[in-house]
Amino acid sequence: MLDGNLHAMPKMIDYDDAFLAMTARGFRCVYPRGGAFVPTRPGQVEGWLIAADPTLRPAARELARIVSPPTTSTLCAMLKSHCHDKQLGEAWLMPKAHWAHELDAGKNWLVPLLDDIRIDTRLLEARADASPIVFAPTEHDLLARITEQLLNHLEASDFLLAFEPCVCTVHHHKQLWWQWLEGPQQQLA
């Protein structure tokens, strides 16, 4: 599913440990045992979209921009560049709901995708939580490639990328939504 040899082997963190870490960073979870974390002190918000989205509220439309060229590849190149430019460091990928649901809904594409990065999906199938997959800063290429696959395949679910100072929703409408903790932040793009 992913092109090229994979040398990276992301690891997983137990949900309870991830929950404590996210809470300590200043985020709260809005879905029980899920990966739907939001800043407790909301700061800057920006959405990157590949097309206009009439389902967005007017206030959200003002925070969104359509990328050029409007493709998921563009979004993921921007994600990779953003991780580097902002020195975001380690990234945690988690479903906003939980793994049991996502692996059932995405058995034809998500299971092979996770198998490609050597994540044992058999260990996740019964997990009713969003234990994150951890990507080191040296694995941002891999993270961008996986994010592109998510953007291309998600139909009703969303995923979250969690970094120390921000979270990024990988939205099933082929969008990336950045939410930063309150405080001095540089422009997103």
C-alpha atoms as a PDB file:
ATOM      1  CA  MET A   1       0.000   0.000   0.000  1.00  0.00           C
ATOM      2  CA  LEU A   2       2.851   2.408   0.750  1.00  0.00           C
ATOM      3  CA  ASP A   3       5.594   2.801  -1.813  1.00  0.00           C
ATOM      4  CA  GLY A   4       9.197   2.126  -0.927  1.00  0.00           C
ATOM      5  CA  ASN A   5      10.943   0.130   1.736  1.00  0.00           C
ATOM      6  CA  LEU A   6       9.953   0.945   5.260  1.00  0.00           C
ATOM      7  CA  HIS A   7      12.773   1.029   7.753  1.00  0.00           C
ATOM      8  CA  ALA A   8      10.841   2.849  10.444  1.00  0.00           C
ATOM      9  CA  MET A   9       8.854   0.939  12.983  1.00  0.00           C
ATOM     10  CA  PRO A  10       6.479   3.219  14.853  1.00  0.00           C
ATOM     11  CA  LYS A  11       5.485   2.124  18.332  1.00  0.00           C
ATOM     12  CA  MET A  12       2.294   2.461  20.323  1.00  0.00           C
ATOM     13  CA  ILE A  13       1.532   4.054  23.665  1.00  0.00           C
ATOM     14  CA  ASP A  14      -1.099   2.685  26.027  1.00  0.00           C
ATOM     15  CA  TYR A  15      -4.191   4.906  26.043  1.00  0.00           C
ATOM     16  CA  ASP A  16      -4.099   5.642  29.779  1.00  0.00           C
ATOM     17  CA  ASP A  17      -0.514   6.920  29.503  1.00  0.00           C
ATOM     18  CA  ALA A  18      -1.383   8.975  26.417  1.00  0.00           C
ATOM     19  CA  PHE A  19      -4.444  10.447  28.133  1.00  0.00           C
ATOM     20  CA  LEU A  20      -2.347  11.585  31.098  1.00  0.00           C
ATOM     21  CA  ALA A  21       0.288  13.079  28.790  1.00  0.00           C
ATOM     22  CA  MET A  22      -2.279  14.924  26.669  1.00  0.00           C
ATOM     23  CA  THR A  23      -3.984  16.287  29.784  1.00  0.00           C
ATOM     24  CA  ALA A  24      -0.635  17.457  31.158  1.00  0.00           C
ATOM     25  CA  ARG A  25       0.076  19.241  27.839  1.00  0.00           C
ATOM     26  CA  GLY A  26      -3.168  21.217  28.120  1.00  0.00           C
ATOM     27  CA  PHE A  27      -5.666  19.183  26.083  1.00  0.00           C
ATOM     28  CA  ARG A  28      -8.931  17.540  27.076  1.00  0.00           C
ATOM     29  CA  CYS A  29     -10.705  14.593  25.493  1.00  0.00           C
ATOM     30  CA  VAL A  30     -14.264  15.122  24.257  1.00  0.00           C
ATOM     31  CA  TYR A  31     -14.971  11.446  23.416  1.00  0.00           C
ATOM     32  CA  PRO A  32     -14.628   8.774  26.128  1.00  0.00           C
ATOM     33  CA  ARG A  33     -11.377   6.835  25.646  1.00  0.00           C
ATOM     34  CA  GLY A  34     -11.072   8.335  22.172  1.00  0.00           C
ATOM     35  CA  GLY A  35      -8.531  10.494  20.426  1.00  0.00           C
ATOM     36  CA  ALA A  36     -10.767  13.554  20.144  1.00  0.00           C
ATOM     37  CA  PHE A  37      -8.523  15.957  22.048  1.00  0.00           C
ATOM     38  CA  VAL A  38      -8.954  19.732  21.971  1.00  0.00           C
ATOM     39  CA  PRO A  39      -6.977  22.501  23.666  1.00  0.00           C
ATOM     40  CA  THR A  40      -8.256  23.525  27.089  1.00  0.00           C
ATOM     41  CA  ARG A  41      -6.923  27.007  26.268  1.00  0.00           C
ATOM     42  CA  PRO A  42      -7.814  27.383  22.574  1.00  0.00           C
ATOM     43  CA  GLY A  43      -5.455  29.436  20.482  1.00  0.00           C
ATOM     44  CA  GLN A  44      -4.990  29.749  16.746  1.00  0.00           C
ATOM     45  CA  VAL A  45      -7.107  27.541  14.441  1.00  0.00           C
ATOM     46  CA  GLU A  46      -6.703  26.995  10.714  1.00  0.00           C
ATOM     47  CA  GLY A  47      -8.111  24.502   8.243  1.00  0.00           C
ATOM     48  CA  TRP A  48      -6.456  23.321   5.039  1.00  0.00           C
ATOM     49  CA  LEU A  49      -9.003  22.033   2.513  1.00  0.00           C
ATOM     50  CA  ILE A  50      -8.831  20.677  -1.022  1.00  0.00           C
ATOM     51  CA  ALA A  51     -12.294  22.066  -1.894  1.00  0.00           C
ATOM     52  CA  ALA A  52     -14.929  24.425  -0.550  1.00  0.00           C
ATOM     53  CA  ASP A  53     -17.060  22.735   2.111  1.00  0.00           C
ATOM     54  CA  PRO A  54     -20.658  23.945   2.379  1.00  0.00           C
ATOM     55  CA  THR A  55     -21.088  22.009   5.652  1.00  0.00           C
ATOM     56  CA  LEU A  56     -18.717  24.381   7.484  1.00  0.00           C
ATOM     57  CA  ARG A  57     -20.212  26.993   9.757  1.00  0.00           C
ATOM     58  CA  PRO A  58     -19.556  30.560   8.558  1.00  0.00           C
ATOM     59  CA  ALA A  59     -17.045  31.181  11.384  1.00  0.00           C
ATOM     60  CA  ALA A  60     -15.105  28.050  10.362  1.00  0.00           C
ATOM     61  CA  ARG A  61     -15.108  29.091   6.700  1.00  0.00           C
ATOM     62  CA  GLU A  62     -13.153  32.194   7.676  1.00  0.00           C
ATOM     63  CA  LEU A  63     -10.476  29.969   9.253  1.00  0.00           C
ATOM     64  CA  ALA A  64     -10.190  27.689   6.224  1.00  0.00           C
ATOM     65  CA  ARG A  65      -8.186  27.968   3.047  1.00  0.00           C
ATOM     66  CA  ILE A  66      -8.188  25.855  -0.070  1.00  0.00           C
ATOM     67  CA  VAL A  67      -4.738  24.597  -0.954  1.00  0.00           C
ATOM     68  CA  SER A  68      -3.229  24.752  -4.405  1.00  0.00           C
ATOM     69  CA  PRO A  69      -3.079  22.456  -6.172  1.00  0.00           C
ATOM     70  CA  PRO A  70      -6.151  21.067  -4.409  1.00  0.00           C
ATOM     71  CA  THR A  71      -5.015  17.499  -3.729  1.00  0.00           C
ATOM     72  CA  THR A  72      -4.408  15.285  -0.713  1.00  0.00           C
ATOM     73  CA  SER A  73      -0.770  15.085  -1.830  1.00  0.00           C
ATOM     74  CA  THR A  74      -0.522  18.866  -1.436  1.00  0.00           C
ATOM     75  CA  LEU A  75      -2.031  18.680   2.055  1.00  0.00           C
ATOM     76  CA  CYS A  76       0.465  16.022   3.084  1.00  0.00           C
ATOM     77  CA  ALA A  77       3.436  17.881   1.625  1.00  0.00           C
ATOM     78  CA  MET A  78       2.299  20.894   3.633  1.00  0.00           C
ATOM     79  CA  LEU A  79       1.943  18.699   6.730  1.00  0.00           C
ATOM     80  CA  LYS A  80       5.486  17.398   6.353  1.00  0.00           C
ATOM     81  CA  SER A  81       6.870  20.881   5.749  1.00  0.00           C
ATOM     82  CA  HIS A  82       4.886  22.262   8.678  1.00  0.00           C
ATOM     83  CA  CYS A  83       6.237  19.580  11.040  1.00  0.00           C
ATOM     84  CA  HIS A  84       9.770  20.509   9.978  1.00  0.00           C
ATOM     85  CA  ASP A  85       9.338  24.293   9.942  1.00  0.00           C
ATOM     86  CA  LYS A  86       7.585  24.421  13.317  1.00  0.00           C
ATOM     87  CA  GLN A  87       9.878  21.732  14.775  1.00  0.00           C
ATOM     88  CA  LEU A  88       6.818  19.874  16.012  1.00  0.00           C
ATOM     89  CA  GLY A  89       8.782  16.777  16.975  1.00  0.00           C
ATOM     90  CA  GLU A  90       7.092  13.521  17.855  1.00  0.00           C
ATOM     91  CA  ALA A  91       3.600  12.938  16.444  1.00  0.00           C
ATOM     92  CA  TRP A  92       0.901  10.700  17.839  1.00  0.00           C
ATOM     93  CA  LEU A  93      -1.683   9.308  15.415  1.00  0.00           C
ATOM     94  CA  MET A  94      -4.963   8.124  16.878  1.00  0.00           C
ATOM     95  CA  PRO A  95      -8.549   7.656  15.801  1.00  0.00           C
ATOM     96  CA  LYS A  96     -10.935  10.212  17.231  1.00  0.00           C
ATOM     97  CA  ALA A  97     -13.206   7.292  18.180  1.00  0.00           C
ATOM     98  CA  HIS A  98     -11.382   4.006  18.864  1.00  0.00           C
ATOM     99  CA  TRP A  99      -9.412   1.298  17.084  1.00  0.00           C
ATOM    100  CA  ALA A 100     -12.051  -1.471  17.228  1.00  0.00           C
ATOM    101  CA  HIS A 101     -14.475   0.698  15.271  1.00  0.00           C
ATOM    102  CA  GLU A 102     -11.899   2.009  12.785  1.00  0.00           C
ATOM    103  CA  LEU A 103     -10.413  -1.404  12.027  1.00  0.00           C
ATOM    104  CA  ASP A 104     -13.862  -2.876  11.482  1.00  0.00           C
ATOM    105  CA  ALA A 105     -14.905  -0.013   9.194  1.00  0.00           C
ATOM    106  CA  GLY A 106     -11.547   0.068   7.380  1.00  0.00           C
ATOM    107  CA  LYS A 107     -10.659  -3.615   7.238  1.00  0.00           C
ATOM    108  CA  ASN A 108      -9.998  -3.461   3.476  1.00  0.00           C
ATOM    109  CA  TRP A 109      -7.548  -0.538   3.610  1.00  0.00           C
ATOM    110  CA  LEU A 110      -6.638   0.388   7.204  1.00  0.00           C
ATOM    111  CA  VAL A 111      -5.497  -3.074   8.255  1.00  0.00           C
ATOM    112  CA  PRO A 112      -3.049  -3.381   5.307  1.00  0.00           C
ATOM    113  CA  LEU A 113      -1.881   0.204   5.899  1.00  0.00           C
ATOM    114  CA  LEU A 114      -1.033  -0.519   9.546  1.00  0.00           C
ATOM    115  CA  ASP A 115       0.478  -3.893   8.627  1.00  0.00           C
ATOM    116  CA  ASP A 116       2.802  -1.999   6.233  1.00  0.00           C
ATOM    117  CA  ILE A 117       4.229  -0.034   9.156  1.00  0.00           C
ATOM    118  CA  ARG A 118       4.476  -3.143  11.320  1.00  0.00           C
ATOM    119  CA  ILE A 119       1.644  -2.308  13.707  1.00  0.00           C
ATOM    120  CA  ASP A 120       0.002  -5.568  14.780  1.00  0.00           C
ATOM    121  CA  THR A 121      -3.668  -4.890  14.090  1.00  0.00           C
ATOM    122  CA  ARG A 122      -4.648  -8.067  15.948  1.00  0.00           C
ATOM    123  CA  LEU A 123      -3.643  -6.249  19.144  1.00  0.00           C
ATOM    124  CA  LEU A 124      -5.841  -3.278  18.216  1.00  0.00           C
ATOM    125  CA  GLU A 125      -8.982  -5.051  16.978  1.00  0.00           C
ATOM    126  CA  ALA A 126     -10.502  -5.424  20.445  1.00  0.00           C
ATOM    127  CA  ARG A 127      -9.304  -2.070  21.783  1.00  0.00           C
ATOM    128  CA  ALA A 128     -12.155   0.288  22.535  1.00  0.00           C
ATOM    129  CA  ASP A 129      -9.678   3.128  22.920  1.00  0.00           C
ATOM    130  CA  ALA A 130      -7.454   5.355  20.819  1.00  0.00           C
ATOM    131  CA  SER A 131      -3.983   4.239  21.899  1.00  0.00           C
ATOM    132  CA  PRO A 132      -1.704   6.387  19.724  1.00  0.00           C
ATOM    133  CA  ILE A 133       0.847   5.241  17.187  1.00  0.00           C
ATOM    134  CA  VAL A 134       4.003   7.269  17.770  1.00  0.00           C
ATOM    135  CA  PHE A 135       6.049   8.740  14.919  1.00  0.00           C
ATOM    136  CA  ALA A 136       9.482  10.126  15.728  1.00  0.00           C
ATOM    137  CA  PRO A 137      10.570  13.379  14.048  1.00  0.00           C
ATOM    138  CA  THR A 138      12.694  11.270  11.681  1.00  0.00           C
ATOM    139  CA  GLU A 139       9.474   9.509  10.572  1.00  0.00           C
ATOM    140  CA  HIS A 140       7.566  12.569   9.341  1.00  0.00           C
ATOM    141  CA  ASP A 141       7.862  11.302   5.734  1.00  0.00           C
ATOM    142  CA  LEU A 142       6.097   8.134   6.796  1.00  0.00           C
ATOM    143  CA  LEU A 143       3.539  10.112   8.801  1.00  0.00           C
ATOM    144  CA  ALA A 144       2.740  12.238   5.724  1.00  0.00           C
ATOM    145  CA  ARG A 145       2.314   9.133   3.546  1.00  0.00           C
ATOM    146  CA  ILE A 146      -0.001   7.513   6.089  1.00  0.00           C
ATOM    147  CA  THR A 147      -1.978  10.733   6.479  1.00  0.00           C
ATOM    148  CA  GLU A 148      -2.476  10.828   2.719  1.00  0.00           C
ATOM    149  CA  GLN A 149      -3.885   7.296   2.797  1.00  0.00           C
ATOM    150  CA  LEU A 150      -6.234   8.315   5.615  1.00  0.00           C
ATOM    151  CA  LEU A 151      -7.408  11.373   3.681  1.00  0.00           C
ATOM    152  CA  ASN A 152      -7.993   9.230   0.581  1.00  0.00           C
ATOM    153  CA  HIS A 153      -9.944   6.504   2.392  1.00  0.00           C
ATOM    154  CA  LEU A 154     -11.828   7.946   5.350  1.00  0.00           C
ATOM    155  CA  GLU A 155     -15.557   8.132   4.728  1.00  0.00           C
ATOM    156  CA  ALA A 156     -17.167   9.069   8.039  1.00  0.00           C
ATOM    157  CA  SER A 157     -14.433   8.943  10.667  1.00  0.00           C
ATOM    158  CA  ASP A 158     -11.676  11.330  11.612  1.00  0.00           C
ATOM    159  CA  PHE A 159      -8.184  10.845  13.041  1.00  0.00           C
ATOM    160  CA  LEU A 160      -6.000  13.093  15.154  1.00  0.00           C
ATOM    161  CA  LEU A 161      -2.336  13.977  14.967  1.00  0.00           C
ATOM    162  CA  ALA A 162      -1.151  15.160  18.378  1.00  0.00           C
ATOM    163  CA  PHE A 163       1.997  17.195  18.863  1.00  0.00           C
ATOM    164  CA  GLU A 164       3.280  18.924  22.004  1.00  0.00           C
ATOM    165  CA  PRO A 165       1.819  22.395  21.229  1.00  0.00           C
ATOM    166  CA  CYS A 166      -1.056  21.501  18.893  1.00  0.00           C
ATOM    167  CA  VAL A 167      -3.395  18.917  17.428  1.00  0.00           C
ATOM    168  CA  CYS A 168      -4.341  18.371  13.800  1.00  0.00           C
ATOM    169  CA  THR A 169      -7.599  16.688  12.792  1.00  0.00           C
ATOM    170  CA  VAL A 170      -7.367  14.490   9.696  1.00  0.00           C
ATOM    171  CA  HIS A 171     -10.939  15.031   8.535  1.00  0.00           C
ATOM    172  CA  HIS A 172     -12.865  12.693   6.257  1.00  0.00           C
ATOM    173  CA  HIS A 173     -13.790  15.640   3.987  1.00  0.00           C
ATOM    174  CA  LYS A 174     -10.107  15.692   2.922  1.00  0.00           C
ATOM    175  CA  GLN A 175      -9.146  18.447   5.319  1.00  0.00           C
ATOM    176  CA  LEU A 176      -6.486  19.103   7.950  1.00  0.00           C
ATOM    177  CA  TRP A 177      -7.592  21.292  10.873  1.00  0.00           C
ATOM    178  CA  TRP A 178      -4.908  22.692  13.177  1.00  0.00           C
ATOM    179  CA  GLN A 179      -5.683  23.782  16.749  1.00  0.00           C
ATOM    180  CA  TRP A 180      -2.941  25.345  18.837  1.00  0.00           C
ATOM    181  CA  LEU A 181      -2.816  25.887  22.553  1.00  0.00           C
ATOM    182  CA  GLU A 182      -3.263  29.514  23.562  1.00  0.00           C
ATOM    183  CA  GLY A 183      -0.041  31.472  23.528  1.00  0.00           C
ATOM    184  CA  PRO A 184       2.321  33.074  21.061  1.00  0.00           C
ATOM    185  CA  GLN A 185       2.215  31.076  17.841  1.00  0.00           C
ATOM    186  CA  GLN A 186       3.719  31.684  14.440  1.00  0.00           C
ATOM    187  CA  GLN A 187       1.527  31.750  11.361  1.00  0.00           C
ATOM    188  CA  LEU A 188       0.515  28.242  10.379  1.00  0.00           C
ATOM    189  CA  ALA A 189       1.326  28.396   6.696  1.00  0.00           C
END
